[in-house]
Amino acid sequence: MRLVSICPSNTELVAYLGLAPFLVGVDDFSDWPEEIDGLPRLGPDLDIDMDKLEALQPDLVLASLSVPGMEKNIERLKERGIPFHIFNPNSLEEIGDDLLTLGRLTGHEKRAAEVVSDYRKTIEEYRRISRTIDEKPSLYWEWWPKPVFTPGGVNWLTEISELAGARNLFSDEEVASVQTDWKTVKEKDPDHICLVWVGVRTNKVNPSLLDKRREWDEMKAMKTEQVHVLEEPYFCRPSPRLLIGLQKIASIVHPELYPDFKEHGQDPLLKQR
């Protein structure tokens, strides 16, 4: 089967089912697993080169609506009559369902069921620990600095926060993404600041910029030096790699309760294979 993925998270779904050898092309931003190195690159996920994609003669294109603007790709696929499937999860449960769907679409239902079983067991393990925690610190997740975007209640990072024994600072907003401002964040005064700028590599995120924000030096997280620059692929992409992010943030927020990330930070699904 000739598969094309035009979104990094979809490429990762493919990898977890062991289907990377079936990929014949990916978007420019897909960077995992290593097996995709050398594959034809079809452009950024918001502006896929459809001529190049069509020339690959895919049996199935794995599309996405996880980022505003991807609708353009869907319309172009429809116009050309190219077979595709859209993934658009907002929760950890929906990511598991997407794995099962991909297994069905590709004839690998058994493998998908095994992966999802391990995926859900890991989530339940962290949920069990979280239930024992009474004091749950607040986490401010910064997706973008200006204008300020942060995940709302209808997003996997709210779940990740809860599983890590904490709470998303904007979990009361019943949307997937919230546009806010520095003043509002300052007034909410989070216990931790988590910088995960979408599409930006960790080494390009400069936490010293926070010092220039008005009155942010008065915030708890700044005073206690609880500012964390985190890996964007582990927190911003709707794929099972979010479980790596869960392990990391849990070990930061409650190191006395959760496994140390340095020792147990490998992928919990791939380790079990």
Protein backbone atom coordinates (compact mmCIF):
# COMPACT_ATOMS: atom_id res chain seq x y z
CA MET A 1 0.00 0.00 0.00
CA ARG A 2 1.34 3.41 -0.98
CA LEU A 3 0.75 5.89 1.84
CA VAL A 4 1.36 9.65 1.90
CA SER A 5 1.26 11.68 5.10
CA ILE A 6 0.86 15.45 4.90
CA CYS A 7 1.08 16.19 8.62
CA PRO A 8 3.79 15.27 11.20
CA SER A 9 1.33 13.75 13.67
CA ASN A 10 -0.08 11.49 10.96
CA THR A 11 3.41 10.33 10.05
CA GLU A 12 3.87 9.40 13.70
CA LEU A 13 0.60 7.43 13.76
CA VAL A 14 1.92 5.45 10.81
CA ALA A 15 5.19 4.77 12.61
CA TYR A 16 3.50 3.39 15.74
CA LEU A 17 1.72 0.81 13.63
CA GLY A 18 5.00 -0.19 11.98
CA LEU A 19 3.83 1.08 8.60
CA ALA A 20 6.63 3.56 7.86
CA PRO A 21 7.95 1.33 5.02
CA PHE A 22 4.66 1.96 3.18
CA LEU A 23 5.16 5.73 3.12
CA VAL A 24 6.15 7.11 -0.28
CA GLY A 25 6.04 10.83 0.61
CA VAL A 26 5.63 13.17 3.58
CA ASP A 27 5.28 16.87 4.37
CA ASP A 28 8.35 19.02 5.06
CA PHE A 29 7.85 19.12 8.84
CA SER A 30 7.63 15.38 9.49
CA ASP A 31 10.85 14.53 11.36
CA TRP A 32 10.17 11.15 12.99
CA PRO A 33 10.83 8.25 12.64
CA GLU A 34 14.26 7.96 11.01
CA GLU A 35 12.83 5.65 8.35
CA ILE A 36 11.31 8.63 6.54
CA ASP A 37 14.70 10.19 5.84
CA GLY A 38 15.14 10.33 2.09
CA LEU A 39 11.46 10.23 1.22
CA PRO A 40 10.08 12.84 -1.20
CA ARG A 41 9.10 16.03 0.65
CA LEU A 42 5.85 17.60 -0.48
CA GLY A 43 6.06 21.05 1.08
CA PRO A 44 4.86 22.53 4.38
CA ASP A 45 1.74 20.99 5.87
CA LEU A 46 -0.29 24.14 5.14
CA ASP A 47 0.69 24.27 1.47
CA ILE A 48 1.27 20.81 0.03
CA ASP A 49 2.52 20.52 -3.57
CA MET A 50 -0.40 18.59 -5.04
CA ASP A 51 1.27 17.97 -8.38
CA LYS A 52 4.16 16.28 -6.64
CA LEU A 53 1.81 14.37 -4.37
CA GLU A 54 -0.37 13.11 -7.23
CA ALA A 55 2.71 11.94 -9.13
CA LEU A 56 3.44 9.53 -6.25
CA GLN A 57 0.17 7.70 -7.06
CA PRO A 58 -0.81 7.10 -3.45
CA ASP A 59 -3.44 4.57 -2.46
CA LEU A 60 -4.27 6.73 0.55
CA VAL A 61 -3.33 10.22 1.73
CA LEU A 62 -3.44 10.85 5.47
CA ALA A 63 -4.69 14.40 5.84
CA SER A 64 -5.37 16.54 8.90
CA LEU A 65 -7.35 19.50 10.18
CA SER A 66 -5.34 19.93 13.38
CA VAL A 67 -4.04 23.36 12.30
CA PRO A 68 -6.19 26.17 10.83
CA GLY A 69 -5.47 26.49 7.13
CA MET A 70 -5.22 22.79 6.35
CA GLU A 71 -8.69 22.91 4.79
CA LYS A 72 -7.02 24.03 1.57
CA ASN A 73 -5.27 20.68 1.24
CA ILE A 74 -8.55 18.81 1.66
CA GLU A 75 -10.24 20.77 -1.10
CA ARG A 76 -7.36 20.14 -3.49
CA LEU A 77 -7.39 16.42 -2.77
CA LYS A 78 -11.13 16.34 -3.49
CA GLU A 79 -10.68 18.23 -6.75
CA ARG A 80 -8.13 15.71 -7.99
CA GLY A 81 -10.04 12.66 -6.81
CA ILE A 82 -7.15 11.45 -4.66
CA PRO A 83 -8.24 9.03 -1.90
CA PHE A 84 -7.70 10.48 1.57
CA HIS A 85 -8.69 10.25 5.21
CA ILE A 86 -8.82 13.16 7.64
CA PHE A 87 -7.60 12.98 11.25
CA ASN A 88 -8.57 15.78 13.63
CA PRO A 89 -8.26 14.65 17.27
CA ASN A 90 -8.44 16.94 20.29
CA SER A 91 -8.18 14.35 23.06
CA LEU A 92 -6.00 11.41 24.03
CA GLU A 93 -8.97 9.09 23.53
CA GLU A 94 -9.49 10.38 19.99
CA ILE A 95 -5.80 9.77 19.22
CA GLY A 96 -6.28 6.15 20.29
CA ASP A 97 -9.35 5.93 18.07
CA ASP A 98 -7.32 7.32 15.16
CA LEU A 99 -4.76 4.55 15.58
CA LEU A 100 -7.56 2.00 15.38
CA THR A 101 -8.97 3.72 12.30
CA LEU A 102 -5.59 3.71 10.60
CA GLY A 103 -5.24 0.03 11.40
CA ARG A 104 -8.60 -0.64 9.76
CA LEU A 105 -7.81 1.45 6.68
CA THR A 106 -4.52 -0.35 6.11
CA GLY A 107 -5.50 -3.87 7.10
CA HIS A 108 -3.46 -3.88 10.31
CA GLU A 109 -6.25 -4.05 12.87
CA LYS A 110 -4.47 -6.49 15.18
CA ARG A 111 -1.32 -4.39 15.44
CA ALA A 112 -3.40 -1.27 16.06
CA ALA A 113 -5.38 -2.97 18.83
CA GLU A 114 -2.15 -4.02 20.57
CA VAL A 115 -0.66 -0.53 20.37
CA VAL A 116 -3.84 1.13 21.62
CA SER A 117 -4.09 -1.33 24.50
CA ASP A 118 -0.60 -0.35 25.69
CA TYR A 119 -1.38 3.32 25.03
CA ARG A 120 -4.45 3.22 27.25
CA LYS A 121 -2.67 1.24 29.97
CA THR A 122 0.00 3.96 30.20
CA ILE A 123 -2.66 6.67 30.45
CA GLU A 124 -4.47 4.74 33.19
CA GLU A 125 -1.22 4.28 35.14
CA TYR A 126 -0.72 8.05 35.23
CA ARG A 127 -4.40 8.64 35.99
CA ARG A 128 -4.10 6.36 39.01
CA ILE A 129 -1.21 8.39 40.40
CA SER A 130 -2.96 11.67 39.65
CA ARG A 131 -6.00 10.65 41.70
CA THR A 132 -3.81 10.45 44.80
CA ILE A 133 -2.70 14.09 44.50
CA ASP A 134 -4.63 16.77 46.38
CA GLU A 135 -2.51 19.84 45.63
CA LYS A 136 -2.46 20.34 41.86
CA PRO A 137 -0.32 23.26 40.65
CA SER A 138 -1.39 25.35 37.67
CA LEU A 139 0.43 25.13 34.33
CA TYR A 140 0.50 27.89 31.75
CA TRP A 141 1.18 26.36 28.35
CA GLU A 142 2.42 28.93 25.86
CA TRP A 143 1.85 27.82 22.29
CA TRP A 144 2.74 31.18 20.77
CA PRO A 145 4.09 34.38 22.38
CA LYS A 146 2.64 37.20 20.28
CA PRO A 147 -0.29 37.11 19.89
CA VAL A 148 -0.54 34.80 22.86
CA PHE A 149 -2.11 31.41 22.19
CA THR A 150 -2.58 28.72 24.82
CA PRO A 151 -4.59 25.46 24.89
CA GLY A 152 -8.11 25.58 26.32
CA GLY A 153 -10.15 22.90 28.03
CA VAL A 154 -10.93 20.99 24.82
CA ASN A 155 -7.35 19.94 24.19
CA TRP A 156 -4.99 17.10 25.00
CA LEU A 157 -2.75 19.37 27.07
CA THR A 158 -5.55 19.82 29.59
CA GLU A 159 -5.62 16.02 29.89
CA ILE A 160 -1.82 15.83 30.05
CA SER A 161 -1.87 18.41 32.84
CA GLU A 162 -4.43 16.42 34.84
CA LEU A 163 -2.61 13.13 34.34
CA ALA A 164 0.57 14.83 35.58
CA GLY A 165 -1.16 15.89 38.81
CA ALA A 166 -1.64 19.49 37.73
CA ARG A 167 -4.19 21.68 35.93
CA ASN A 168 -4.14 23.72 32.76
CA LEU A 169 -4.37 27.42 33.63
CA PHE A 170 -6.99 27.92 30.88
CA SER A 171 -8.91 24.65 31.29
CA ASP A 172 -12.11 26.59 32.03
CA GLU A 173 -12.19 27.86 28.42
CA GLU A 174 -14.30 25.35 26.47
CA VAL A 175 -12.31 25.62 23.25
CA ALA A 176 -9.22 23.89 21.87
CA SER A 177 -7.11 27.07 21.59
CA VAL A 178 -7.38 30.36 23.48
CA GLN A 179 -6.06 33.72 22.34
CA THR A 180 -5.17 35.73 25.42
CA ASP A 181 -2.58 38.31 26.48
CA TRP A 182 0.35 38.66 28.86
CA LYS A 183 -1.66 40.71 31.36
CA THR A 184 -4.29 37.98 31.74
CA VAL A 185 -1.64 35.30 32.24
CA LYS A 186 0.05 37.50 34.84
CA GLU A 187 -3.23 37.95 36.72
CA LYS A 188 -3.87 34.19 36.71
CA ASP A 189 -0.36 33.75 38.22
CA PRO A 190 0.55 30.15 37.25
CA ASP A 191 2.80 27.90 39.30
CA HIS A 192 4.65 26.72 36.19
CA ILE A 193 5.26 28.21 32.76
CA CYS A 194 5.67 25.70 29.92
CA LEU A 195 7.00 27.09 26.66
CA VAL A 196 6.15 24.92 23.66
CA TRP A 197 6.01 27.24 20.68
CA VAL A 198 4.35 25.43 17.79
CA GLY A 199 6.75 24.68 14.95
CA VAL A 200 9.77 26.11 16.82
CA ARG A 201 12.70 23.93 17.85
CA THR A 202 13.55 23.91 21.54
CA ASN A 203 16.95 25.54 21.02
CA LYS A 204 15.24 28.48 19.30
CA VAL A 205 12.97 29.28 22.26
CA ASN A 206 14.45 32.04 24.42
CA PRO A 207 12.98 32.07 27.96
CA SER A 208 14.83 35.33 28.77
CA LEU A 209 12.18 37.11 26.68
CA LEU A 210 9.76 36.59 29.58
CA ASP A 211 11.78 39.07 31.65
CA LYS A 212 10.70 41.82 29.27
CA ARG A 213 6.98 41.24 29.83
CA ARG A 214 5.42 43.82 32.09
CA GLU A 215 5.23 42.75 35.75
CA TRP A 216 5.94 39.11 34.94
CA ASP A 217 8.79 39.20 37.42
CA GLU A 218 6.09 39.26 40.12
CA MET A 219 4.63 35.90 39.08
CA LYS A 220 5.12 32.79 41.20
CA ALA A 221 6.58 30.76 38.36
CA MET A 222 9.18 33.45 37.66
CA LYS A 223 10.15 33.89 41.31
CA THR A 224 10.55 30.15 41.84
CA GLU A 225 12.25 29.64 38.46
CA GLN A 226 9.61 27.21 37.27
CA VAL A 227 9.92 28.11 33.60
CA HIS A 228 10.31 25.08 31.33
CA VAL A 229 11.28 25.03 27.66
CA LEU A 230 9.78 21.78 26.38
CA GLU A 231 10.05 19.77 23.18
CA GLU A 232 7.33 20.81 20.76
CA PRO A 233 6.90 17.31 19.20
CA TYR A 234 6.08 15.83 22.62
CA PHE A 235 3.34 18.31 23.47
CA CYS A 236 1.92 19.94 20.32
CA ARG A 237 1.33 17.03 17.95
CA PRO A 238 -1.72 14.76 18.38
CA SER A 239 0.10 11.43 18.30
CA PRO A 240 1.11 8.82 20.90
CA ARG A 241 4.39 10.69 21.40
CA LEU A 242 2.36 12.87 23.77
CA LEU A 243 2.95 10.11 26.31
CA ILE A 244 6.64 11.00 26.30
CA GLY A 245 5.63 14.57 27.08
CA LEU A 246 3.37 13.32 29.85
CA GLN A 247 6.26 11.45 31.44
CA LYS A 248 8.44 14.53 31.30
CA ILE A 249 6.03 17.12 32.70
CA ALA A 250 4.85 14.74 35.44
CA SER A 251 8.42 14.19 36.59
CA ILE A 252 8.96 17.97 36.66
CA VAL A 253 5.80 18.87 38.58
CA HIS A 254 5.77 15.94 41.01
CA PRO A 255 9.24 14.35 40.98
CA GLU A 256 8.50 12.62 44.27
CA LEU A 257 5.48 10.75 42.84
CA TYR A 258 6.17 10.01 39.19
CA PRO A 259 9.05 8.08 37.57
CA ASP A 260 12.16 10.12 36.85
CA PHE A 261 12.16 11.11 33.20
CA LYS A 262 15.90 10.60 32.69
CA GLU A 263 15.55 6.95 33.64
CA HIS A 264 12.13 6.16 32.23
CA GLY A 265 11.67 8.73 29.51
CA GLN A 266 11.78 6.35 26.58
CA ASP A 267 8.70 5.82 24.50
CA PRO A 268 6.39 3.64 26.62
CA LEU A 269 4.79 2.03 23.56
CA LEU A 270 7.92 1.22 21.57
CA LYS A 271 9.69 -0.10 24.66
CA GLN A 272 7.07 -2.79 24.98
CA ARG A 273 7.56 -4.15 21.48
